[in-house]
N, C-alpha and C. Protein backbone atom coordinates (compact mmCIF):
# COMPACT_ATOMS: atom_id res chain seq x y z
N MET A 1 95.01 174.90 78.43
CA MET A 1 96.16 175.18 79.28
C MET A 1 96.07 174.39 80.58
N ALA A 2 94.84 174.28 81.13
CA ALA A 2 94.61 173.54 82.38
C ALA A 2 94.98 172.09 82.20
N ILE A 3 94.62 171.52 81.01
CA ILE A 3 94.91 170.11 80.74
C ILE A 3 96.41 169.89 80.74
N ARG A 4 97.19 170.80 80.13
CA ARG A 4 98.66 170.64 80.06
C ARG A 4 99.27 170.72 81.45
N VAL A 5 98.77 171.64 82.33
CA VAL A 5 99.30 171.76 83.69
C VAL A 5 99.04 170.49 84.48
N ASN A 6 97.81 169.99 84.38
CA ASN A 6 97.46 168.75 85.11
C ASN A 6 98.32 167.59 84.66
N PHE A 7 98.58 167.50 83.34
CA PHE A 7 99.39 166.42 82.79
C PHE A 7 100.81 166.48 83.35
N CYS A 8 101.37 167.69 83.44
CA CYS A 8 102.73 167.85 83.97
C CYS A 8 102.79 167.48 85.44
N ILE A 9 101.74 167.89 86.20
CA ILE A 9 101.69 167.55 87.62
C ILE A 9 101.63 166.04 87.80
N GLY A 10 100.83 165.36 86.94
CA GLY A 10 100.71 163.90 87.03
C GLY A 10 102.04 163.23 86.79
N ILE A 11 102.81 163.71 85.81
CA ILE A 11 104.12 163.12 85.52
C ILE A 11 105.06 163.30 86.71
N ALA A 12 105.00 164.47 87.32
CA ALA A 12 105.86 164.74 88.47
C ALA A 12 105.55 163.83 89.64
N ILE A 13 104.22 163.61 89.89
CA ILE A 13 103.82 162.72 91.00
C ILE A 13 104.27 161.30 90.74
N ALA A 14 104.08 160.82 89.49
CA ALA A 14 104.48 159.46 89.14
C ALA A 14 105.97 159.27 89.31
N SER A 15 106.76 160.28 88.90
CA SER A 15 108.21 160.18 89.03
C SER A 15 108.62 160.09 90.49
N SER A 16 107.91 160.85 91.34
CA SER A 16 108.22 160.83 92.77
C SER A 16 107.94 159.46 93.37
N LEU A 17 106.82 158.84 92.95
CA LEU A 17 106.46 157.52 93.47
C LEU A 17 107.47 156.47 93.05
N ILE A 18 107.89 156.50 91.79
CA ILE A 18 108.88 155.53 91.29
C ILE A 18 110.18 155.67 92.04
N SER A 19 110.60 156.93 92.29
CA SER A 19 111.84 157.15 93.03
C SER A 19 111.73 156.62 94.45
N ALA A 20 110.57 156.84 95.06
CA ALA A 20 110.38 156.38 96.45
C ALA A 20 110.44 154.87 96.54
N ILE A 21 109.83 154.19 95.55
CA ILE A 21 109.85 152.72 95.56
C ILE A 21 111.25 152.22 95.33
N ALA A 22 111.98 152.85 94.41
CA ALA A 22 113.33 152.39 94.07
C ALA A 22 114.26 152.48 95.26
N TYR A 23 114.05 153.49 96.15
CA TYR A 23 114.96 153.65 97.28
C TYR A 23 114.33 153.26 98.61
N SER A 24 113.16 152.64 98.56
CA SER A 24 112.49 152.20 99.78
C SER A 24 113.26 151.05 100.40
N PRO A 25 113.43 150.99 101.73
CA PRO A 25 114.13 149.88 102.38
C PRO A 25 113.49 148.54 102.08
N ALA A 26 112.18 148.49 101.82
CA ALA A 26 111.50 147.21 101.56
C ALA A 26 111.90 146.61 100.25
N ALA A 27 112.51 147.41 99.36
CA ALA A 27 112.86 146.89 98.04
C ALA A 27 114.34 146.58 97.91
N ARG A 28 115.09 146.66 99.02
CA ARG A 28 116.50 146.35 98.95
C ARG A 28 116.71 144.87 98.72
N PRO A 29 117.81 144.47 98.06
CA PRO A 29 118.06 143.05 97.76
C PRO A 29 118.06 142.17 98.98
N ASN A 30 118.49 142.71 100.16
CA ASN A 30 118.55 141.89 101.37
C ASN A 30 117.17 141.46 101.84
N ASP A 31 116.14 142.17 101.44
CA ASP A 31 114.78 141.87 101.88
C ASP A 31 113.93 141.39 100.73
N ALA A 32 114.54 140.75 99.76
CA ALA A 32 113.78 140.34 98.57
C ALA A 32 112.67 139.37 98.93
N GLU A 33 112.86 138.58 100.02
CA GLU A 33 111.84 137.61 100.38
C GLU A 33 110.51 138.30 100.71
N LYS A 34 110.59 139.55 101.26
CA LYS A 34 109.39 140.25 101.65
C LYS A 34 108.52 140.60 100.45
N LEU A 35 109.15 140.63 99.27
CA LEU A 35 108.39 140.93 98.06
C LEU A 35 107.92 139.66 97.36
N GLY A 36 108.16 138.49 98.00
CA GLY A 36 107.68 137.24 97.43
C GLY A 36 108.67 136.57 96.51
N THR A 37 109.93 137.03 96.48
CA THR A 37 110.93 136.41 95.63
C THR A 37 111.34 135.07 96.22
N THR A 38 111.40 134.02 95.41
CA THR A 38 111.81 132.70 95.89
C THR A 38 113.30 132.67 96.12
N ARG A 39 113.71 132.24 97.31
CA ARG A 39 115.12 132.19 97.63
C ARG A 39 115.73 130.91 97.07
N ALA A 40 116.85 131.00 96.40
CA ALA A 40 117.49 129.83 95.79
C ALA A 40 118.11 128.96 96.87
N LEU A 41 117.95 127.62 96.74
CA LEU A 41 118.52 126.68 97.68
C LEU A 41 119.94 126.32 97.26
N PRO A 42 120.81 125.98 98.20
CA PRO A 42 122.17 125.57 97.83
C PRO A 42 122.14 124.24 97.10
N SER A 43 123.13 124.00 96.28
CA SER A 43 123.24 122.74 95.55
C SER A 43 123.37 121.58 96.52
N LEU A 44 122.65 120.47 96.23
CA LEU A 44 122.74 119.30 97.09
C LEU A 44 124.12 118.66 97.01
N GLN A 45 124.87 118.95 95.98
CA GLN A 45 126.18 118.35 95.80
C GLN A 45 127.30 119.17 96.45
N THR A 46 126.94 120.27 97.08
CA THR A 46 127.95 121.12 97.72
C THR A 46 127.50 121.45 99.15
N ARG A 47 127.19 120.41 99.92
CA ARG A 47 126.76 120.63 101.29
C ARG A 47 127.90 121.19 102.12
N ALA A 48 127.59 122.16 102.97
CA ALA A 48 128.62 122.79 103.80
C ALA A 48 129.14 121.81 104.84
N ARG A 49 128.28 120.93 105.36
CA ARG A 49 128.71 119.94 106.35
C ARG A 49 127.73 118.76 106.27
N PRO A 50 128.17 117.60 106.70
CA PRO A 50 127.29 116.43 106.63
C PRO A 50 126.11 116.58 107.58
N PRO A 51 124.99 115.95 107.30
CA PRO A 51 123.82 116.03 108.19
C PRO A 51 124.09 115.30 109.50
N LEU A 52 123.29 115.61 110.52
CA LEU A 52 123.45 114.95 111.80
C LEU A 52 123.15 113.46 111.69
N GLN A 53 122.27 113.09 110.79
CA GLN A 53 121.95 111.68 110.54
C GLN A 53 121.82 111.49 109.05
N PRO A 54 122.27 110.35 108.52
CA PRO A 54 122.13 110.13 107.08
C PRO A 54 120.68 110.22 106.64
N GLU A 55 120.47 110.60 105.40
CA GLU A 55 119.13 110.68 104.86
C GLU A 55 118.49 109.30 104.89
N THR A 56 117.18 109.27 105.03
CA THR A 56 116.47 108.00 105.09
C THR A 56 115.98 107.59 103.71
N LEU A 57 115.40 106.39 103.64
CA LEU A 57 114.95 105.82 102.38
C LEU A 57 113.43 105.82 102.33
N HIS A 58 112.89 105.59 101.13
CA HIS A 58 111.45 105.36 100.99
C HIS A 58 111.19 104.54 99.74
N VAL A 59 110.16 103.72 99.80
CA VAL A 59 109.78 102.91 98.65
C VAL A 59 109.37 103.84 97.51
N GLY A 60 109.87 103.56 96.32
CA GLY A 60 109.55 104.39 95.17
C GLY A 60 110.59 105.46 94.89
N MET A 61 111.62 105.58 95.74
CA MET A 61 112.64 106.59 95.50
C MET A 61 113.42 106.24 94.23
N LEU A 62 113.95 107.26 93.59
CA LEU A 62 114.69 107.07 92.36
C LEU A 62 116.02 106.37 92.64
N GLU A 63 116.48 105.64 91.64
CA GLU A 63 117.76 104.95 91.74
C GLU A 63 118.89 105.93 92.06
N THR A 64 118.86 107.10 91.43
CA THR A 64 119.90 108.10 91.69
C THR A 64 119.85 108.60 93.13
N GLN A 65 118.65 108.70 93.71
CA GLN A 65 118.52 109.12 95.10
C GLN A 65 119.12 108.07 96.03
N PHE A 66 118.84 106.81 95.75
CA PHE A 66 119.38 105.76 96.60
C PHE A 66 120.91 105.75 96.54
N PHE A 67 121.48 105.92 95.34
CA PHE A 67 122.92 105.90 95.23
C PHE A 67 123.55 107.14 95.87
N GLY A 68 122.80 108.22 95.97
CA GLY A 68 123.28 109.36 96.73
C GLY A 68 123.45 108.99 98.20
N TYR A 69 122.44 108.27 98.74
CA TYR A 69 122.52 107.79 100.12
C TYR A 69 123.70 106.83 100.28
N ALA A 70 123.83 105.87 99.35
CA ALA A 70 124.89 104.87 99.44
C ALA A 70 126.27 105.52 99.37
N LYS A 71 126.43 106.50 98.50
CA LYS A 71 127.72 107.18 98.38
C LYS A 71 128.05 107.95 99.64
N ASP A 72 127.06 108.63 100.21
CA ASP A 72 127.30 109.40 101.43
C ASP A 72 127.72 108.52 102.60
N ASN A 73 127.31 107.25 102.56
CA ASN A 73 127.55 106.35 103.69
C ASN A 73 128.53 105.21 103.38
N ASN A 74 129.30 105.40 102.30
CA ASN A 74 130.41 104.51 101.99
C ASN A 74 130.00 103.07 101.71
N TRP A 75 128.87 102.88 101.03
CA TRP A 75 128.50 101.55 100.59
C TRP A 75 129.41 101.15 99.43
N ALA A 76 129.76 99.85 99.35
CA ALA A 76 130.64 99.36 98.30
C ALA A 76 129.84 98.56 97.28
N ALA A 77 130.03 98.87 95.99
CA ALA A 77 129.32 98.15 94.92
C ALA A 77 130.00 96.81 94.67
N ILE A 78 129.18 95.76 94.50
CA ILE A 78 129.69 94.42 94.23
C ILE A 78 129.31 93.97 92.82
N ALA A 79 128.03 94.10 92.45
CA ALA A 79 127.58 93.64 91.13
C ALA A 79 126.27 94.33 90.77
N THR A 80 125.95 94.34 89.48
CA THR A 80 124.68 94.87 88.97
C THR A 80 124.15 93.91 87.91
N ILE A 81 122.85 93.60 88.00
CA ILE A 81 122.21 92.71 87.03
C ILE A 81 120.95 93.39 86.50
N HIS A 82 120.76 93.42 85.20
CA HIS A 82 119.57 93.97 84.56
C HIS A 82 118.75 92.83 83.95
N ARG A 83 117.45 92.83 84.21
CA ARG A 83 116.53 91.88 83.61
C ARG A 83 115.25 92.63 83.24
N ASP A 84 115.05 92.80 81.94
CA ASP A 84 113.91 93.58 81.43
C ASP A 84 113.96 94.98 82.03
N GLN A 85 112.83 95.43 82.63
CA GLN A 85 112.81 96.77 83.22
C GLN A 85 113.26 96.76 84.69
N PHE A 86 113.78 95.62 85.13
CA PHE A 86 114.21 95.49 86.52
C PHE A 86 115.73 95.51 86.63
N THR A 87 116.21 96.05 87.76
CA THR A 87 117.64 96.11 88.02
C THR A 87 117.90 95.70 89.46
N MET A 88 118.94 94.91 89.67
CA MET A 88 119.38 94.55 91.01
C MET A 88 120.81 95.01 91.20
N HIS A 89 121.05 95.78 92.25
CA HIS A 89 122.40 96.19 92.62
C HIS A 89 122.78 95.47 93.91
N LYS A 90 123.89 94.74 93.89
CA LYS A 90 124.40 94.08 95.10
C LYS A 90 125.45 94.98 95.71
N LEU A 91 125.26 95.30 97.00
CA LEU A 91 126.13 96.26 97.68
C LEU A 91 126.48 95.77 99.08
N GLN A 92 127.61 96.23 99.57
CA GLN A 92 127.98 95.99 100.96
C GLN A 92 127.80 97.30 101.72
N PRO A 93 126.94 97.32 102.75
CA PRO A 93 126.67 98.56 103.49
C PRO A 93 127.92 99.14 104.14
N GLY A 94 127.82 100.42 104.49
CA GLY A 94 128.97 101.13 105.03
C GLY A 94 129.08 101.16 106.53
N GLY A 95 128.09 100.59 107.25
CA GLY A 95 128.17 100.55 108.71
C GLY A 95 127.68 101.78 109.43
N GLU A 96 126.93 102.64 108.74
CA GLU A 96 126.45 103.87 109.38
C GLU A 96 125.47 103.56 110.52
N GLY A 97 125.43 104.45 111.49
CA GLY A 97 124.49 104.31 112.60
C GLY A 97 123.23 105.10 112.33
N LEU A 98 122.06 104.48 112.56
CA LEU A 98 120.77 105.15 112.35
C LEU A 98 119.96 105.07 113.64
N TYR A 99 119.08 106.05 113.81
CA TYR A 99 118.23 106.09 114.99
C TYR A 99 116.77 105.87 114.58
N ALA A 100 116.14 104.92 115.23
CA ALA A 100 114.74 104.59 114.94
C ALA A 100 113.82 105.32 115.91
N LEU A 101 112.82 105.99 115.37
CA LEU A 101 111.82 106.65 116.21
C LEU A 101 110.83 105.59 116.72
N PRO A 102 110.13 105.83 117.83
CA PRO A 102 110.09 107.10 118.57
C PRO A 102 111.16 107.23 119.65
N ASP A 103 111.88 106.16 119.95
CA ASP A 103 112.81 106.20 121.08
C ASP A 103 114.25 106.46 120.67
N ARG A 104 114.47 106.75 119.37
CA ARG A 104 115.81 107.00 118.85
C ARG A 104 116.77 105.86 119.20
N GLN A 105 116.28 104.64 118.99
CA GLN A 105 117.12 103.47 119.26
C GLN A 105 118.16 103.33 118.15
N LEU A 106 119.42 103.17 118.55
CA LEU A 106 120.52 103.12 117.60
C LEU A 106 120.69 101.72 117.02
N VAL A 107 120.88 101.67 115.69
CA VAL A 107 121.17 100.41 115.01
C VAL A 107 122.19 100.69 113.93
N TYR A 108 123.10 99.73 113.70
CA TYR A 108 124.15 99.91 112.71
C TYR A 108 123.84 99.11 111.45
N VAL A 109 124.12 99.73 110.30
CA VAL A 109 123.81 99.12 109.01
C VAL A 109 125.00 98.25 108.59
N ARG A 110 125.03 97.04 109.13
CA ARG A 110 126.12 96.11 108.85
C ARG A 110 125.66 94.70 109.21
N GLY A 111 126.49 93.71 108.82
CA GLY A 111 126.18 92.33 109.13
C GLY A 111 125.47 91.61 108.01
N PHE A 112 125.38 92.22 106.83
CA PHE A 112 124.67 91.61 105.72
C PHE A 112 125.15 92.19 104.39
N ILE A 113 124.83 91.49 103.33
CA ILE A 113 124.99 91.99 101.97
C ILE A 113 123.60 92.33 101.46
N ALA A 114 123.46 93.44 100.76
CA ALA A 114 122.15 93.92 100.32
C ALA A 114 121.99 93.82 98.81
N ASN A 115 120.90 93.20 98.39
CA ASN A 115 120.47 93.25 96.99
C ASN A 115 119.35 94.28 96.91
N ILE A 116 119.55 95.33 96.16
CA ILE A 116 118.57 96.42 96.08
C ILE A 116 117.86 96.32 94.73
N TYR A 117 116.52 96.21 94.77
CA TYR A 117 115.74 95.98 93.56
C TYR A 117 115.02 97.24 93.10
N PHE A 118 115.12 97.51 91.80
CA PHE A 118 114.47 98.66 91.20
C PHE A 118 113.61 98.21 90.01
N GLU A 119 112.45 98.82 89.89
CA GLU A 119 111.59 98.62 88.72
C GLU A 119 111.42 99.98 88.04
N SER A 120 111.86 100.06 86.78
CA SER A 120 111.83 101.33 86.05
C SER A 120 112.45 102.46 86.87
N ASP A 121 113.63 102.17 87.45
CA ASP A 121 114.42 103.15 88.21
C ASP A 121 113.80 103.55 89.54
N ARG A 122 112.82 102.78 90.04
CA ARG A 122 112.19 103.08 91.33
C ARG A 122 112.44 101.93 92.31
N LEU A 123 112.81 102.25 93.54
CA LEU A 123 113.08 101.24 94.56
C LEU A 123 111.80 100.50 94.93
N VAL A 124 111.86 99.16 94.88
CA VAL A 124 110.70 98.35 95.25
C VAL A 124 110.98 97.43 96.43
N GLY A 125 112.24 97.05 96.63
CA GLY A 125 112.53 96.13 97.73
C GLY A 125 114.01 95.92 97.94
N MET A 126 114.32 95.26 99.07
CA MET A 126 115.72 94.97 99.44
C MET A 126 115.79 93.57 100.02
N ARG A 127 116.73 92.79 99.51
CA ARG A 127 117.00 91.45 100.05
C ARG A 127 118.33 91.50 100.78
N LEU A 128 118.32 91.09 102.05
CA LEU A 128 119.52 91.10 102.87
C LEU A 128 119.92 89.68 103.20
N THR A 129 121.18 89.34 103.00
CA THR A 129 121.70 88.02 103.36
C THR A 129 122.87 88.20 104.32
N ALA A 130 122.96 87.30 105.28
CA ALA A 130 123.99 87.43 106.31
C ALA A 130 125.38 87.45 105.70
N ASP A 131 126.22 88.32 106.23
CA ASP A 131 127.61 88.46 105.79
C ASP A 131 128.50 87.78 106.83
N ASN A 132 129.18 86.71 106.43
CA ASN A 132 129.99 85.94 107.38
C ASN A 132 131.16 86.71 107.95
N ARG A 133 131.48 87.87 107.36
CA ARG A 133 132.59 88.67 107.86
C ARG A 133 132.19 89.55 109.04
N ASP A 134 130.91 89.55 109.40
CA ASP A 134 130.44 90.40 110.48
C ASP A 134 129.34 89.67 111.24
N ARG A 135 129.00 90.15 112.42
CA ARG A 135 127.94 89.52 113.19
C ARG A 135 126.59 89.87 112.58
N ALA A 136 125.78 88.85 112.35
CA ALA A 136 124.48 89.05 111.71
C ALA A 136 123.51 89.78 112.64
N LEU A 137 122.50 90.42 112.04
CA LEU A 137 121.46 91.09 112.81
C LEU A 137 120.57 90.09 113.52
N THR A 138 120.07 90.46 114.68
CA THR A 138 119.00 89.70 115.32
C THR A 138 117.66 90.24 114.80
N VAL A 139 116.57 89.54 115.12
CA VAL A 139 115.26 89.99 114.65
C VAL A 139 114.92 91.39 115.17
N PRO A 140 115.06 91.69 116.47
CA PRO A 140 114.78 93.07 116.92
C PRO A 140 115.64 94.10 116.22
N GLU A 141 116.92 93.79 116.00
CA GLU A 141 117.80 94.73 115.30
C GLU A 141 117.34 94.93 113.86
N LEU A 142 116.93 93.85 113.20
CA LEU A 142 116.44 93.95 111.82
C LEU A 142 115.24 94.87 111.72
N LEU A 143 114.25 94.66 112.57
CA LEU A 143 113.03 95.46 112.50
C LEU A 143 113.29 96.91 112.91
N THR A 144 114.21 97.12 113.83
CA THR A 144 114.61 98.48 114.18
C THR A 144 115.28 99.17 113.01
N LEU A 145 116.12 98.42 112.28
CA LEU A 145 116.77 98.96 111.08
C LEU A 145 115.74 99.35 110.03
N VAL A 146 114.72 98.51 109.82
CA VAL A 146 113.69 98.82 108.83
C VAL A 146 112.98 100.12 109.20
N ARG A 147 112.66 100.29 110.48
CA ARG A 147 112.02 101.54 110.94
C ARG A 147 112.94 102.73 110.71
N ALA A 148 114.24 102.57 111.02
CA ALA A 148 115.18 103.68 110.86
C ALA A 148 115.41 104.02 109.39
N TRP A 149 115.49 103.00 108.53
CA TRP A 149 115.69 103.20 107.10
C TRP A 149 114.49 103.85 106.45
N PHE A 150 113.29 103.33 106.76
CA PHE A 150 112.05 103.73 106.10
C PHE A 150 111.08 104.30 107.13
N PRO A 151 111.34 105.48 107.69
CA PRO A 151 110.52 105.98 108.80
C PRO A 151 109.08 106.31 108.43
N ASP A 152 108.79 106.49 107.13
CA ASP A 152 107.44 106.93 106.74
C ASP A 152 106.64 105.86 106.00
N ASP A 153 107.21 104.67 105.84
CA ASP A 153 106.53 103.62 105.07
C ASP A 153 105.99 102.52 105.98
N VAL A 154 104.88 101.91 105.55
CA VAL A 154 104.41 100.66 106.15
C VAL A 154 104.97 99.54 105.30
N LEU A 155 105.76 98.64 105.92
CA LEU A 155 106.48 97.67 105.13
C LEU A 155 106.28 96.25 105.64
N SER A 156 106.15 95.33 104.69
CA SER A 156 106.15 93.91 105.00
C SER A 156 107.60 93.43 105.01
N VAL A 157 107.94 92.69 106.05
CA VAL A 157 109.30 92.15 106.18
C VAL A 157 109.19 90.64 106.39
N ILE A 158 109.82 89.86 105.52
CA ILE A 158 109.91 88.43 105.75
C ILE A 158 111.37 88.07 105.97
N TYR A 159 111.60 87.09 106.83
CA TYR A 159 112.98 86.76 107.18
C TYR A 159 113.07 85.30 107.63
N GLN A 160 114.29 84.78 107.61
CA GLN A 160 114.58 83.42 108.04
C GLN A 160 115.53 83.45 109.23
N VAL A 161 115.26 82.59 110.19
CA VAL A 161 116.11 82.44 111.37
C VAL A 161 116.32 80.94 111.60
N ALA A 162 117.55 80.53 111.85
CA ALA A 162 117.83 79.13 112.15
C ALA A 162 117.27 78.79 113.53
N PRO A 163 116.35 77.80 113.62
CA PRO A 163 115.74 77.47 114.93
C PRO A 163 116.74 77.08 116.00
N SER A 164 117.88 76.54 115.59
CA SER A 164 118.88 76.08 116.56
C SER A 164 119.80 77.19 117.04
N ASP A 165 119.68 78.38 116.48
CA ASP A 165 120.56 79.49 116.83
C ASP A 165 120.01 80.18 118.08
N PRO A 166 120.73 80.10 119.22
CA PRO A 166 120.21 80.73 120.44
C PRO A 166 120.12 82.25 120.33
N ARG A 167 120.95 82.84 119.49
CA ARG A 167 120.92 84.30 119.31
C ARG A 167 119.82 84.74 118.35
N LYS A 168 119.27 83.79 117.59
CA LYS A 168 118.23 84.09 116.59
C LYS A 168 118.72 85.10 115.55
N SER A 169 119.89 84.80 115.00
CA SER A 169 120.45 85.65 113.95
C SER A 169 119.65 85.48 112.65
N VAL A 170 119.47 86.58 111.93
CA VAL A 170 118.70 86.56 110.68
C VAL A 170 119.59 86.08 109.55
N VAL A 171 119.11 85.05 108.83
CA VAL A 171 119.86 84.46 107.72
C VAL A 171 119.59 85.22 106.43
N GLU A 172 118.30 85.50 106.19
CA GLU A 172 117.90 86.18 104.95
C GLU A 172 116.66 87.01 105.23
N THR A 173 116.55 88.13 104.53
CA THR A 173 115.43 89.07 104.73
C THR A 173 114.96 89.61 103.40
N LEU A 174 113.66 89.85 103.27
CA LEU A 174 113.13 90.63 102.15
C LEU A 174 112.30 91.77 102.74
N ILE A 175 112.70 92.99 102.43
CA ILE A 175 111.96 94.19 102.83
C ILE A 175 111.23 94.71 101.60
N GLY A 176 109.92 94.86 101.69
CA GLY A 176 109.15 95.30 100.52
C GLY A 176 108.87 94.13 99.60
N THR A 177 109.12 94.29 98.31
CA THR A 177 108.81 93.24 97.34
C THR A 177 110.05 92.92 96.50
N ILE A 178 110.00 91.73 95.88
CA ILE A 178 111.07 91.33 94.98
C ILE A 178 110.46 91.15 93.59
N PRO A 179 111.04 91.72 92.55
CA PRO A 179 110.49 91.56 91.20
C PRO A 179 110.48 90.09 90.79
N LYS A 180 109.50 89.71 89.97
CA LYS A 180 109.39 88.33 89.51
C LYS A 180 110.66 87.86 88.81
N ALA A 181 111.34 88.79 88.15
CA ALA A 181 112.57 88.42 87.43
C ALA A 181 113.67 87.95 88.37
N PHE A 182 113.53 88.23 89.67
CA PHE A 182 114.57 87.85 90.63
C PHE A 182 114.05 86.94 91.73
N GLU A 183 112.82 86.44 91.61
CA GLU A 183 112.23 85.63 92.67
C GLU A 183 113.03 84.38 92.98
N GLN A 184 113.75 83.84 91.97
CA GLN A 184 114.51 82.61 92.20
C GLN A 184 115.67 82.82 93.17
N ASP A 185 116.02 84.10 93.44
CA ASP A 185 117.10 84.39 94.38
C ASP A 185 116.66 84.22 95.83
N LEU A 186 115.37 84.24 96.07
CA LEU A 186 114.84 84.26 97.44
C LEU A 186 114.73 82.85 98.02
N GLY A 187 115.08 82.71 99.29
CA GLY A 187 114.87 81.44 99.99
C GLY A 187 115.88 80.37 99.65
N LYS A 188 117.15 80.73 99.56
CA LYS A 188 118.18 79.74 99.24
C LYS A 188 118.35 78.73 100.38
N ALA A 189 118.19 79.19 101.62
CA ALA A 189 118.30 78.30 102.77
C ALA A 189 116.96 77.60 103.02
N SER A 190 117.03 76.33 103.42
CA SER A 190 115.81 75.55 103.67
C SER A 190 115.31 75.81 105.08
N LEU A 191 114.78 77.00 105.27
CA LEU A 191 114.27 77.42 106.57
C LEU A 191 112.90 78.07 106.37
N PRO A 192 112.04 77.99 107.39
CA PRO A 192 110.75 78.68 107.27
C PRO A 192 110.92 80.19 107.27
N PHE A 193 110.03 80.87 106.59
CA PHE A 193 110.02 82.34 106.60
C PHE A 193 109.05 82.82 107.69
N CYS A 194 109.44 83.90 108.33
CA CYS A 194 108.58 84.60 109.27
C CYS A 194 108.22 85.95 108.67
N ARG A 195 107.07 86.49 109.05
CA ARG A 195 106.61 87.76 108.50
C ARG A 195 106.26 88.73 109.63
N ALA A 196 106.65 89.98 109.44
CA ALA A 196 106.29 91.06 110.37
C ALA A 196 105.94 92.29 109.55
N ILE A 197 105.10 93.15 110.10
CA ILE A 197 104.75 94.43 109.49
C ILE A 197 105.33 95.54 110.35
N VAL A 198 106.06 96.45 109.71
CA VAL A 198 106.66 97.58 110.41
C VAL A 198 105.90 98.84 110.03
N PHE A 199 105.32 99.51 111.02
CA PHE A 199 104.57 100.74 110.82
C PHE A 199 105.43 101.94 111.22
N PRO A 200 105.11 103.13 110.71
CA PRO A 200 105.84 104.33 111.15
C PRO A 200 105.59 104.62 112.62
N ALA A 201 106.49 105.39 113.24
CA ALA A 201 106.30 105.86 114.61
C ALA A 201 105.04 106.74 114.64
N PRO A 202 104.34 106.79 115.79
CA PRO A 202 104.75 106.31 117.11
C PRO A 202 104.37 104.86 117.41
N VAL A 203 103.89 104.10 116.43
CA VAL A 203 103.60 102.68 116.68
C VAL A 203 104.91 101.98 117.06
N PRO A 204 104.93 101.21 118.15
CA PRO A 204 106.17 100.52 118.54
C PRO A 204 106.62 99.56 117.45
N VAL A 205 107.94 99.34 117.36
CA VAL A 205 108.47 98.38 116.40
C VAL A 205 108.01 96.99 116.81
N ASN A 206 107.36 96.29 115.89
CA ASN A 206 106.75 94.99 116.20
C ASN A 206 107.80 93.88 116.15
N THR A 207 108.01 93.21 117.27
CA THR A 207 108.94 92.08 117.30
C THR A 207 108.18 90.75 117.33
N LEU A 208 106.84 90.81 117.24
CA LEU A 208 106.04 89.60 117.17
C LEU A 208 105.79 89.26 115.72
N SER A 209 106.10 88.03 115.34
CA SER A 209 106.00 87.64 113.94
C SER A 209 105.23 86.34 113.81
N THR A 210 104.71 86.11 112.62
CA THR A 210 104.09 84.83 112.31
C THR A 210 105.03 84.06 111.40
N CYS A 211 105.19 82.78 111.67
CA CYS A 211 106.15 81.97 110.92
C CYS A 211 105.47 80.73 110.36
N ASN A 212 105.75 80.43 109.11
CA ASN A 212 105.29 79.17 108.52
C ASN A 212 106.12 78.90 107.27
N ARG A 213 105.99 77.74 106.72
CA ARG A 213 106.79 77.33 105.57
C ARG A 213 106.19 77.78 104.25
N ASN A 214 105.02 78.40 104.29
CA ASN A 214 104.36 78.79 103.04
C ASN A 214 104.41 80.29 102.79
N THR A 215 105.12 81.05 103.65
CA THR A 215 105.19 82.51 103.49
C THR A 215 105.89 82.89 102.22
C-alpha cells in the first residue's frame, strides 16, 4: 500500500513540475533565445533598407556573391567569355561611392571598364581599363579604391600610367591575378607596368610604387 501511495505522490509532483515549466515566463516564445533557440535571419533578398555602404569584395568570393554586389550597385553587363574552368565578365561599374579605412576616404567606382576573372566560380582578379566616357582614376584614387573594395585582403596591384600625362591617369590595372587563359588581354598599351602592394587598414594606403618594363 505504501508503494502505491508513493507512486501516486510522484506522479502528482511530476505533473506539477511540467505545468510550472509550461507556464513559466522563461519558456514563452518571446524569450526563446534564452533557451538557446537559434533566431532565424531575414532573407538576404528581402532587405528592409539598403546598407549605409555597399558590401565589400574579397578574393575567393563566389561568382553569385559578386553579382549580388554588382546588381545592388547598378553595374551594367557588357560581355561574358568562358575558357576551360575560367570565366571573364566584362562590366561597366555603377559609380557607387566607397570609403577606404582608416580615414574613410571617399572614392567613386567609375572611370574604367572592369574585366572580372573567376576560376571555378571563385574571384581571382580584376582588370580595369580606362573608359573614355569618364575621367580616369589617378594612382592614389586607384589604390584607395582597392583598399575600399577589398578591406581585408593583401593585394598586388600592377598598373600603367602614360609618362607624359601630368595628371598621371591610370591606363590599365590588374588587381590580384589574371588566369593564364586570359593573359593575352593584359598590357595592350606599350607602357611600363608599375607595382604596388595594398595592405588592410590601419596600414596607410601605399602610393609609392616600383616601375619597370618587366613587371
